[in-house]
Amino acid sequence: MRQERIELLIERGRLLERISMQRAQLSRDVEPISGSLQTADSIVAGLRNATGYLKEHPHVVGATVAVLVVLRPQRVWRWSKRAFFAWRTWHLLRQKIAAL
């Protein structure tokens, strides 16, 4: 029983060392794109904050839409189509990425 415990502890040590080496390698591999990843993280955080604000203040969205419709209905329609296309593309990309 004691020998099995010793072997398990040795194997655990080997696995921990292997994990440490893999983490170090991953850190080195990601270093060239870390600036881009930080920028993407800050953009995502900003979008989440903006979404949270708009959920808490729906009257801002309604007023903005009303003003746009009154001022330029054709432009609003054109941008609405573009926004829908962008949203649909984003949705499909997220599904494909999740499937990987």
PDB file of N, CA and C in Angstrom:
ATOM      1  N   MET A   1       0.826  -1.188   0.000  1.00  0.00           N
ATOM      2  CA  MET A   1       0.000   0.000   0.000  1.00  0.00           C
ATOM      3  C   MET A   1       0.878   1.263   0.000  1.00  0.00           C
ATOM      4  N   ARG A   2       1.927   1.248   0.806  1.00  0.00           N
ATOM      5  CA  ARG A   2       2.804   2.415   0.899  1.00  0.00           C
ATOM      6  C   ARG A   2       3.533   2.652  -0.433  1.00  0.00           C
ATOM      7  N   GLN A   3       3.942   1.579  -1.098  1.00  0.00           N
ATOM      8  CA  GLN A   3       4.643   1.703  -2.382  1.00  0.00           C
ATOM      9  C   GLN A   3       3.721   2.330  -3.438  1.00  0.00           C
ATOM     10  N   GLU A   4       2.450   1.941  -3.449  1.00  0.00           N
ATOM     11  CA  GLU A   4       1.482   2.526  -4.392  1.00  0.00           C
ATOM     12  C   GLU A   4       1.337   4.020  -4.153  1.00  0.00           C
ATOM     13  N   ARG A   5       1.282   4.401  -2.898  1.00  0.00           N
ATOM     14  CA  ARG A   5       1.154   5.823  -2.550  1.00  0.00           C
ATOM     15  C   ARG A   5       2.376   6.604  -3.031  1.00  0.00           C
ATOM     16  N   ILE A   6       3.547   6.037  -2.853  1.00  0.00           N
ATOM     17  CA  ILE A   6       4.773   6.699  -3.301  1.00  0.00           C
ATOM     18  C   ILE A   6       4.762   6.850  -4.819  1.00  0.00           C
ATOM     19  N   GLU A   7       4.350   5.795  -5.534  1.00  0.00           N
ATOM     20  CA  GLU A   7       4.291   5.848  -6.996  1.00  0.00           C
ATOM     21  C   GLU A   7       3.282   6.901  -7.460  1.00  0.00           C
ATOM     22  N   LEU A   8       2.137   6.971  -6.772  1.00  0.00           N
ATOM     23  CA  LEU A   8       1.137   7.986  -7.119  1.00  0.00           C
ATOM     24  C   LEU A   8       1.685   9.390  -6.901  1.00  0.00           C
ATOM     25  N   LEU A   9       2.397   9.595  -5.817  1.00  0.00           N
ATOM     26  CA  LEU A   9       2.980  10.919  -5.549  1.00  0.00           C
ATOM     27  C   LEU A   9       4.043  11.279  -6.576  1.00  0.00           C
ATOM     28  N   ILE A  10       4.831  10.290  -6.995  1.00  0.00           N
ATOM     29  CA  ILE A  10       5.840  10.537  -8.037  1.00  0.00           C
ATOM     30  C   ILE A  10       5.148  10.897  -9.352  1.00  0.00           C
ATOM     31  N   GLU A  11       4.116  10.167  -9.707  1.00  0.00           N
ATOM     32  CA  GLU A  11       3.373  10.453 -10.940  1.00  0.00           C
ATOM     33  C   GLU A  11       2.731  11.823 -10.875  1.00  0.00           C
ATOM     34  N   ARG A  12       2.199  12.170  -9.712  1.00  0.00           N
ATOM     35  CA  ARG A  12       1.596  13.499  -9.527  1.00  0.00           C
ATOM     36  C   ARG A  12       2.641  14.580  -9.746  1.00  0.00           C
ATOM     37  N   GLY A  13       3.838  14.375  -9.205  1.00  0.00           N
ATOM     38  CA  GLY A  13       4.919  15.337  -9.397  1.00  0.00           C
ATOM     39  C   GLY A  13       5.286  15.498 -10.861  1.00  0.00           C
ATOM     40  N   ARG A  14       5.354  14.383 -11.582  1.00  0.00           N
ATOM     41  CA  ARG A  14       5.648  14.438 -13.026  1.00  0.00           C
ATOM     42  C   ARG A  14       4.575  15.213 -13.780  1.00  0.00           C
ATOM     43  N   LEU A  15       3.303  14.945 -13.421  1.00  0.00           N
ATOM     44  CA  LEU A  15       2.206  15.641 -14.095  1.00  0.00           C
ATOM     45  C   LEU A  15       2.232  17.141 -13.795  1.00  0.00           C
ATOM     46  N   LEU A  16       2.508  17.497 -12.549  1.00  0.00           N
ATOM     47  CA  LEU A  16       2.597  18.918 -12.199  1.00  0.00           C
ATOM     48  C   LEU A  16       3.733  19.604 -12.950  1.00  0.00           C
ATOM     49  N   GLU A  17       4.854  18.923 -13.098  1.00  0.00           N
ATOM     50  CA  GLU A  17       5.971  19.478 -13.860  1.00  0.00           C
ATOM     51  C   GLU A  17       5.592  19.647 -15.331  1.00  0.00           C
ATOM     52  N   ARG A  18       4.912  18.657 -15.873  1.00  0.00           N
ATOM     53  CA  ARG A  18       4.462  18.723 -17.270  1.00  0.00           C
ATOM     54  C   ARG A  18       3.485  19.886 -17.468  1.00  0.00           C
ATOM     55  N   ILE A  19       2.571  20.061 -16.524  1.00  0.00           N
ATOM     56  CA  ILE A  19       1.612  21.169 -16.601  1.00  0.00           C
ATOM     57  C   ILE A  19       2.349  22.501 -16.556  1.00  0.00           C
ATOM     58  N   SER A  20       3.334  22.606 -15.693  1.00  0.00           N
ATOM     59  CA  SER A  20       4.116  23.832 -15.578  1.00  0.00           C
ATOM     60  C   SER A  20       4.835  24.155 -16.883  1.00  0.00           C
ATOM     61  N   MET A  21       5.419  23.155 -17.501  1.00  0.00           N
ATOM     62  CA  MET A  21       6.108  23.354 -18.781  1.00  0.00           C
ATOM     63  C   MET A  21       5.128  23.770 -19.871  1.00  0.00           C
ATOM     64  N   GLN A  22       3.941  23.165 -19.894  1.00  0.00           N
ATOM     65  CA  GLN A  22       2.939  23.519 -20.898  1.00  0.00           C
ATOM     66  C   GLN A  22       2.450  24.953 -20.704  1.00  0.00           C
ATOM     67  N   ARG A  23       2.269  25.364 -19.463  1.00  0.00           N
ATOM     68  CA  ARG A  23       1.853  26.744 -19.190  1.00  0.00           C
ATOM     69  C   ARG A  23       2.912  27.736 -19.649  1.00  0.00           C
ATOM     70  N   ALA A  24       4.167  27.420 -19.381  1.00  0.00           N
ATOM     71  CA  ALA A  24       5.255  28.295 -19.812  1.00  0.00           C
ATOM     72  C   ALA A  24       5.299  28.391 -21.335  1.00  0.00           C
ATOM     73  N   GLN A  25       5.127  27.268 -22.016  1.00  0.00           N
ATOM     74  CA  GLN A  25       5.123  27.256 -23.477  1.00  0.00           C
ATOM     75  C   GLN A  25       3.954  28.062 -24.021  1.00  0.00           C
ATOM     76  N   LEU A  26       2.783  27.893 -23.426  1.00  0.00           N
ATOM     77  CA  LEU A  26       1.602  28.645 -23.849  1.00  0.00           C
ATOM     78  C   LEU A  26       1.821  30.142 -23.654  1.00  0.00           C
ATOM     79  N   SER A  27       2.424  30.510 -22.539  1.00  0.00           N
ATOM     80  CA  SER A  27       2.718  31.918 -22.271  1.00  0.00           C
ATOM     81  C   SER A  27       3.648  32.488 -23.341  1.00  0.00           C
ATOM     82  N   ARG A  28       4.669  31.730 -23.714  1.00  0.00           N
ATOM     83  CA  ARG A  28       5.590  32.188 -24.770  1.00  0.00           C
ATOM     84  C   ARG A  28       4.888  32.272 -26.120  1.00  0.00           C
ATOM     85  N   ASP A  29       4.006  31.330 -26.409  1.00  0.00           N
ATOM     86  CA  ASP A  29       3.310  31.323 -27.696  1.00  0.00           C
ATOM     87  C   ASP A  29       2.331  32.485 -27.831  1.00  0.00           C
ATOM     88  N   VAL A  30       1.720  32.898 -26.729  1.00  0.00           N
ATOM     89  CA  VAL A  30       0.689  33.934 -26.770  1.00  0.00           C
ATOM     90  C   VAL A  30       1.288  35.338 -26.671  1.00  0.00           C
ATOM     91  N   GLU A  31       2.523  35.425 -26.244  1.00  0.00           N
ATOM     92  CA  GLU A  31       3.151  36.730 -26.029  1.00  0.00           C
ATOM     93  C   GLU A  31       3.075  37.667 -27.234  1.00  0.00           C
ATOM     94  N   PRO A  32       3.317  37.219 -28.459  1.00  0.00           N
ATOM     95  CA  PRO A  32       3.259  38.147 -29.601  1.00  0.00           C
ATOM     96  C   PRO A  32       1.872  38.763 -29.831  1.00  0.00           C
ATOM     97  N   ILE A  33       0.828  38.094 -29.417  1.00  0.00           N
ATOM     98  CA  ILE A  33      -0.509  38.633 -29.673  1.00  0.00           C
ATOM     99  C   ILE A  33      -1.187  39.129 -28.389  1.00  0.00           C
ATOM    100  N   SER A  34      -0.435  39.252 -27.308  1.00  0.00           N
ATOM    101  CA  SER A  34      -1.038  39.654 -26.039  1.00  0.00           C
ATOM    102  C   SER A  34      -1.622  41.064 -26.110  1.00  0.00           C
ATOM    103  N   GLY A  35      -0.983  41.964 -26.832  1.00  0.00           N
ATOM    104  CA  GLY A  35      -1.523  43.325 -26.978  1.00  0.00           C
ATOM    105  C   GLY A  35      -2.871  43.318 -27.678  1.00  0.00           C
ATOM    106  N   SER A  36      -2.982  42.514 -28.719  1.00  0.00           N
ATOM    107  CA  SER A  36      -4.250  42.406 -29.437  1.00  0.00           C
ATOM    108  C   SER A  36      -5.327  41.786 -28.557  1.00  0.00           C
ATOM    109  N   LEU A  37      -4.940  40.792 -27.770  1.00  0.00           N
ATOM    110  CA  LEU A  37      -5.905  40.162 -26.868  1.00  0.00           C
ATOM    111  C   LEU A  37      -6.382  41.136 -25.798  1.00  0.00           C
ATOM    112  N   GLN A  38      -5.487  41.970 -25.286  1.00  0.00           N
ATOM    113  CA  GLN A  38      -5.885  42.966 -24.293  1.00  0.00           C
ATOM    114  C   GLN A  38      -6.823  43.988 -24.906  1.00  0.00           C
ATOM    115  N   THR A  39      -6.559  44.399 -26.143  1.00  0.00           N
ATOM    116  CA  THR A  39      -7.446  45.330 -26.824  1.00  0.00           C
ATOM    117  C   THR A  39      -8.823  44.713 -27.026  1.00  0.00           C
ATOM    118  N   ALA A  40      -8.850  43.470 -27.462  1.00  0.00           N
ATOM    119  CA  ALA A  40     -10.131  42.788 -27.650  1.00  0.00           C
ATOM    120  C   ALA A  40     -10.880  42.655 -26.331  1.00  0.00           C
ATOM    121  N   ASP A  41     -10.170  42.351 -25.250  1.00  0.00           N
ATOM    122  CA  ASP A  41     -10.813  42.255 -23.938  1.00  0.00           C
ATOM    123  C   ASP A  41     -11.425  43.586 -23.517  1.00  0.00           C
ATOM    124  N   SER A  42     -10.704  44.678 -23.758  1.00  0.00           N
ATOM    125  CA  SER A  42     -11.239  45.984 -23.363  1.00  0.00           C
ATOM    126  C   SER A  42     -12.446  46.364 -24.222  1.00  0.00           C
ATOM    127  N   ILE A  43     -12.441  45.989 -25.490  1.00  0.00           N
ATOM    128  CA  ILE A  43     -13.591  46.268 -26.352  1.00  0.00           C
ATOM    129  C   ILE A  43     -14.799  45.469 -25.888  1.00  0.00           C
ATOM    130  N   VAL A  44     -14.599  44.208 -25.578  1.00  0.00           N
ATOM    131  CA  VAL A  44     -15.703  43.366 -25.105  1.00  0.00           C
ATOM    132  C   VAL A  44     -16.251  43.916 -23.789  1.00  0.00           C
ATOM    133  N   ALA A  45     -15.365  44.349 -22.886  1.00  0.00           N
ATOM    134  CA  ALA A  45     -15.815  44.915 -21.611  1.00  0.00           C
ATOM    135  C   ALA A  45     -16.622  46.188 -21.849  1.00  0.00           C
ATOM    136  N   GLY A  46     -16.176  47.022 -22.778  1.00  0.00           N
ATOM    137  CA  GLY A  46     -16.922  48.241 -23.102  1.00  0.00           C
ATOM    138  C   GLY A  46     -18.287  47.945 -23.679  1.00  0.00           C
ATOM    139  N   LEU A  47     -18.357  46.952 -24.557  1.00  0.00           N
ATOM    140  CA  LEU A  47     -19.652  46.582 -25.133  1.00  0.00           C
ATOM    141  C   LEU A  47     -20.597  46.031 -24.067  1.00  0.00           C
ATOM    142  N   ARG A  48     -20.056  45.262 -23.142  1.00  0.00           N
ATOM    143  CA  ARG A  48     -20.893  44.736 -22.054  1.00  0.00           C
ATOM    144  C   ARG A  48     -21.411  45.867 -21.176  1.00  0.00           C
ATOM    145  N   ASN A  49     -20.543  46.840 -20.891  1.00  0.00           N
ATOM    146  CA  ASN A  49     -20.983  47.992 -20.100  1.00  0.00           C
ATOM    147  C   ASN A  49     -22.068  48.770 -20.831  1.00  0.00           C
ATOM    148  N   ALA A  50     -21.877  48.995 -22.135  1.00  0.00           N
ATOM    149  CA  ALA A  50     -22.864  49.735 -22.925  1.00  0.00           C
ATOM    150  C   ALA A  50     -24.188  48.979 -22.987  1.00  0.00           C
ATOM    151  N   THR A  51     -24.104  47.661 -23.162  1.00  0.00           N
ATOM    152  CA  THR A  51     -25.320  46.842 -23.202  1.00  0.00           C
ATOM    153  C   THR A  51     -26.049  46.910 -21.869  1.00  0.00           C
ATOM    154  N   GLY A  52     -25.304  46.832 -20.786  1.00  0.00           N
ATOM    155  CA  GLY A  52     -25.915  46.934 -19.462  1.00  0.00           C
ATOM    156  C   GLY A  52     -26.592  48.271 -19.260  1.00  0.00           C
ATOM    157  N   TYR A  53     -25.936  49.344 -19.711  1.00  0.00           N
ATOM    158  CA  TYR A  53     -26.533  50.674 -19.585  1.00  0.00           C
ATOM    159  C   TYR A  53     -27.830  50.763 -20.387  1.00  0.00           C
ATOM    160  N   LEU A  54     -27.798  50.265 -21.611  1.00  0.00           N
ATOM    161  CA  LEU A  54     -28.992  50.341 -22.455  1.00  0.00           C
ATOM    162  C   LEU A  54     -30.131  49.478 -21.908  1.00  0.00           C
ATOM    163  N   LYS A  55     -29.799  48.356 -21.264  1.00  0.00           N
ATOM    164  CA  LYS A  55     -30.840  47.537 -20.647  1.00  0.00           C
ATOM    165  C   LYS A  55     -31.464  48.256 -19.456  1.00  0.00           C
ATOM    166  N   GLU A  56     -30.645  49.026 -18.741  1.00  0.00           N
ATOM    167  CA  GLU A  56     -31.155  49.761 -17.589  1.00  0.00           C
ATOM    168  C   GLU A  56     -31.893  51.033 -18.000  1.00  0.00           C
ATOM    169  N   HIS A  57     -31.613  51.554 -19.185  1.00  0.00           N
ATOM    170  CA  HIS A  57     -32.221  52.801 -19.651  1.00  0.00           C
ATOM    171  C   HIS A  57     -32.818  52.617 -21.056  1.00  0.00           C
ATOM    172  N   PRO A  58     -33.891  51.854 -21.178  1.00  0.00           N
ATOM    173  CA  PRO A  58     -34.460  51.610 -22.500  1.00  0.00           C
ATOM    174  C   PRO A  58     -35.046  52.866 -23.151  1.00  0.00           C
ATOM    175  N   HIS A  59     -35.371  53.864 -22.349  1.00  0.00           N
ATOM    176  CA  HIS A  59     -35.916  55.097 -22.920  1.00  0.00           C
ATOM    177  C   HIS A  59     -34.894  55.791 -23.826  1.00  0.00           C
ATOM    178  N   VAL A  60     -33.611  55.622 -23.556  1.00  0.00           N
ATOM    179  CA  VAL A  60     -32.577  56.215 -24.400  1.00  0.00           C
ATOM    180  C   VAL A  60     -32.628  55.585 -25.791  1.00  0.00           C
ATOM    181  N   VAL A  61     -32.798  54.277 -25.836  1.00  0.00           N
ATOM    182  CA  VAL A  61     -32.892  53.582 -27.124  1.00  0.00           C
ATOM    183  C   VAL A  61     -34.133  54.043 -27.877  1.00  0.00           C
ATOM    184  N   GLY A  62     -35.262  54.099 -27.179  1.00  0.00           N
ATOM    185  CA  GLY A  62     -36.511  54.527 -27.821  1.00  0.00           C
ATOM    186  C   GLY A  62     -36.430  55.940 -28.355  1.00  0.00           C
ATOM    187  N   ALA A  63     -35.874  56.843 -27.582  1.00  0.00           N
ATOM    188  CA  ALA A  63     -35.749  58.239 -28.026  1.00  0.00           C
ATOM    189  C   ALA A  63     -34.817  58.341 -29.234  1.00  0.00           C
ATOM    190  N   THR A  64     -33.728  57.590 -29.208  1.00  0.00           N
ATOM    191  CA  THR A  64     -32.790  57.615 -30.333  1.00  0.00           C
ATOM    192  C   THR A  64     -33.442  57.104 -31.610  1.00  0.00           C
ATOM    193  N   VAL A  65     -34.148  56.006 -31.507  1.00  0.00           N
ATOM    194  CA  VAL A  65     -34.842  55.452 -32.675  1.00  0.00           C
ATOM    195  C   VAL A  65     -35.890  56.426 -33.183  1.00  0.00           C
ATOM    196  N   ALA A  66     -36.646  57.043 -32.291  1.00  0.00           N
ATOM    197  CA  ALA A  66     -37.683  58.002 -32.705  1.00  0.00           C
ATOM    198  C   ALA A  66     -37.076  59.184 -33.444  1.00  0.00           C
ATOM    199  N   VAL A  67     -35.985  59.718 -32.932  1.00  0.00           N
ATOM    200  CA  VAL A  67     -35.334  60.854 -33.590  1.00  0.00           C
ATOM    201  C   VAL A  67     -34.816  60.451 -34.963  1.00  0.00           C
ATOM    202  N   LEU A  68     -34.209  59.282 -35.064  1.00  0.00           N
ATOM    203  CA  LEU A  68     -33.688  58.834 -36.353  1.00  0.00           C
ATOM    204  C   LEU A  68     -34.800  58.619 -37.374  1.00  0.00           C
ATOM    205  N   VAL A  69     -35.896  58.068 -36.934  1.00  0.00           N
ATOM    206  CA  VAL A  69     -37.011  57.819 -37.855  1.00  0.00           C
ATOM    207  C   VAL A  69     -37.594  59.133 -38.348  1.00  0.00           C
ATOM    208  N   VAL A  70     -37.714  60.098 -37.466  1.00  0.00           N
ATOM    209  CA  VAL A  70     -38.276  61.394 -37.856  1.00  0.00           C
ATOM    210  C   VAL A  70     -37.331  62.125 -38.806  1.00  0.00           C
ATOM    211  N   LEU A  71     -36.056  62.074 -38.539  1.00  0.00           N
ATOM    212  CA  LEU A  71     -35.107  62.845 -39.343  1.00  0.00           C
ATOM    213  C   LEU A  71     -34.785  62.203 -40.692  1.00  0.00           C
ATOM    214  N   ARG A  72     -34.504  60.935 -40.716  1.00  0.00           N
ATOM    215  CA  ARG A  72     -34.079  60.270 -41.955  1.00  0.00           C
ATOM    216  C   ARG A  72     -34.622  58.847 -42.038  1.00  0.00           C
ATOM    217  N   PRO A  73     -35.870  58.654 -42.435  1.00  0.00           N
ATOM    218  CA  PRO A  73     -36.406  57.291 -42.476  1.00  0.00           C
ATOM    219  C   PRO A  73     -35.672  56.372 -43.456  1.00  0.00           C
ATOM    220  N   GLN A  74     -35.261  56.895 -44.621  1.00  0.00           N
ATOM    221  CA  GLN A  74     -34.565  56.030 -45.584  1.00  0.00           C
ATOM    222  C   GLN A  74     -33.219  55.576 -45.047  1.00  0.00           C
ATOM    223  N   ARG A  75     -32.503  56.492 -44.431  1.00  0.00           N
ATOM    224  CA  ARG A  75     -31.197  56.159 -43.878  1.00  0.00           C
ATOM    225  C   ARG A  75     -31.342  55.148 -42.736  1.00  0.00           C
ATOM    226  N   VAL A  76     -32.365  55.331 -41.922  1.00  0.00           N
ATOM    227  CA  VAL A  76     -32.602  54.395 -40.827  1.00  0.00           C
ATOM    228  C   VAL A  76     -32.864  53.004 -41.380  1.00  0.00           C
ATOM    229  N   TRP A  77     -33.674  52.913 -42.419  1.00  0.00           N
ATOM    230  CA  TRP A  77     -33.980  51.612 -43.005  1.00  0.00           C
ATOM    231  C   TRP A  77     -32.719  50.952 -43.554  1.00  0.00           C
ATOM    232  N   ARG A  78     -31.900  51.738 -44.250  1.00  0.00           N
ATOM    233  CA  ARG A  78     -30.667  51.211 -44.837  1.00  0.00           C
ATOM    234  C   ARG A  78     -29.726  50.709 -43.736  1.00  0.00           C
ATOM    235  N   TRP A  79     -29.547  51.490 -42.674  1.00  0.00           N
ATOM    236  CA  TRP A  79     -28.671  51.076 -41.580  1.00  0.00           C
ATOM    237  C   TRP A  79     -29.263  49.924 -40.786  1.00  0.00           C
ATOM    238  N   SER A  80     -30.570  49.856 -40.727  1.00  0.00           N
ATOM    239  CA  SER A  80     -31.198  48.717 -40.047  1.00  0.00           C
ATOM    240  C   SER A  80     -30.890  47.421 -40.787  1.00  0.00           C
ATOM    241  N   LYS A  81     -30.944  47.459 -42.102  1.00  0.00           N
ATOM    242  CA  LYS A  81     -30.601  46.270 -42.884  1.00  0.00           C
ATOM    243  C   LYS A  81     -29.147  45.881 -42.662  1.00  0.00           C
ATOM    244  N   ARG A  82     -28.263  46.868 -42.641  1.00  0.00           N
ATOM    245  CA  ARG A  82     -26.848  46.587 -42.408  1.00  0.00           C
ATOM    246  C   ARG A  82     -26.623  46.004 -41.016  1.00  0.00           C
ATOM    247  N   ALA A  83     -27.295  46.587 -40.049  1.00  0.00           N
ATOM    248  CA  ALA A  83     -27.149  46.095 -38.675  1.00  0.00           C
ATOM    249  C   ALA A  83     -27.662  44.657 -38.564  1.00  0.00           C
ATOM    250  N   PHE A  84     -28.773  44.369 -39.217  1.00  0.00           N
ATOM    251  CA  PHE A  84     -29.302  43.010 -39.173  1.00  0.00           C
ATOM    252  C   PHE A  84     -28.332  42.034 -39.832  1.00  0.00           C
ATOM    253  N   PHE A  85     -27.755  42.421 -40.953  1.00  0.00           N
ATOM    254  CA  PHE A  85     -26.782  41.571 -41.632  1.00  0.00           C
ATOM    255  C   PHE A  85     -25.557  41.330 -40.742  1.00  0.00           C
ATOM    256  N   ALA A  86     -25.071  42.390 -40.094  1.00  0.00           N
ATOM    257  CA  ALA A  86     -23.915  42.256 -39.206  1.00  0.00           C
ATOM    258  C   ALA A  86     -24.252  41.348 -38.024  1.00  0.00           C
ATOM    259  N   TRP A  87     -25.428  41.527 -37.456  1.00  0.00           N
ATOM    260  CA  TRP A  87     -25.832  40.685 -36.324  1.00  0.00           C
ATOM    261  C   TRP A  87     -25.939  39.225 -36.748  1.00  0.00           C
ATOM    262  N   ARG A  88     -26.549  38.977 -37.902  1.00  0.00           N
ATOM    263  CA  ARG A  88     -26.707  37.606 -38.384  1.00  0.00           C
ATOM    264  C   ARG A  88     -25.347  36.961 -38.649  1.00  0.00           C
ATOM    265  N   THR A  89     -24.434  37.719 -39.248  1.00  0.00           N
ATOM    266  CA  THR A  89     -23.092  37.215 -39.501  1.00  0.00           C
ATOM    267  C   THR A  89     -22.386  36.891 -38.191  1.00  0.00           C
ATOM    268  N   TRP A  90     -22.478  37.788 -37.232  1.00  0.00           N
ATOM    269  CA  TRP A  90     -21.871  37.570 -35.917  1.00  0.00           C
ATOM    270  C   TRP A  90     -22.457  36.324 -35.254  1.00  0.00           C
ATOM    271  N   HIS A  91     -23.743  36.169 -35.328  1.00  0.00           N
ATOM    272  CA  HIS A  91     -24.422  35.017 -34.733  1.00  0.00           C
ATOM    273  C   HIS A  91     -23.933  33.711 -35.376  1.00  0.00           C
ATOM    274  N   LEU A  92     -23.832  33.687 -36.687  1.00  0.00           N
ATOM    275  CA  LEU A  92     -23.353  32.490 -37.376  1.00  0.00           C
ATOM    276  C   LEU A  92     -21.897  32.182 -37.035  1.00  0.00           C
ATOM    277  N   LEU A  93     -21.067  33.219 -36.948  1.00  0.00           N
ATOM    278  CA  LEU A  93     -19.668  33.012 -36.593  1.00  0.00           C
ATOM    279  C   LEU A  93     -19.537  32.437 -35.180  1.00  0.00           C
ATOM    280  N   ARG A  94     -20.337  32.955 -34.253  1.00  0.00           N
ATOM    281  CA  ARG A  94     -20.294  32.439 -32.877  1.00  0.00           C
ATOM    282  C   ARG A  94     -20.699  30.970 -32.840  1.00  0.00           C
ATOM    283  N   GLN A  95     -21.697  30.608 -33.646  1.00  0.00           N
ATOM    284  CA  GLN A  95     -22.122  29.211 -33.687  1.00  0.00           C
ATOM    285  C   GLN A  95     -21.005  28.322 -34.239  1.00  0.00           C
ATOM    286  N   LYS A  96     -20.345  28.782 -35.297  1.00  0.00           N
ATOM    287  CA  LYS A  96     -19.281  27.990 -35.895  1.00  0.00           C
ATOM    288  C   LYS A  96     -18.084  27.867 -34.952  1.00  0.00           C
ATOM    289  N   ILE A  97     -17.752  28.936 -34.256  1.00  0.00           N
ATOM    290  CA  ILE A  97     -16.645  28.891 -33.315  1.00  0.00           C
ATOM    291  C   ILE A  97     -16.985  27.965 -32.148  1.00  0.00           C
ATOM    292  N   ALA A  98     -18.218  28.016 -31.691  1.00  0.00           N
ATOM    293  CA  ALA A  98     -18.635  27.157 -30.569  1.00  0.00           C
ATOM    294  C   ALA A  98     -18.590  25.684 -30.983  1.00  0.00           C
ATOM    295  N   ALA A  99     -18.822  25.410 -32.259  1.00  0.00           N
ATOM    296  CA  ALA A  99     -18.823  24.027 -32.736  1.00  0.00           C
ATOM    297  C   ALA A  99     -17.408  23.451 -32.787  1.00  0.00           C
ATOM    298  N   LEU A 100     -16.406  24.327 -32.845  1.00  0.00           N
ATOM    299  CA  LEU A 100     -15.011  23.846 -32.903  1.00  0.00           C
ATOM    300  C   LEU A 100     -14.641  23.351 -31.549  1.00  0.00           C
TER     301      LEU A 100
END
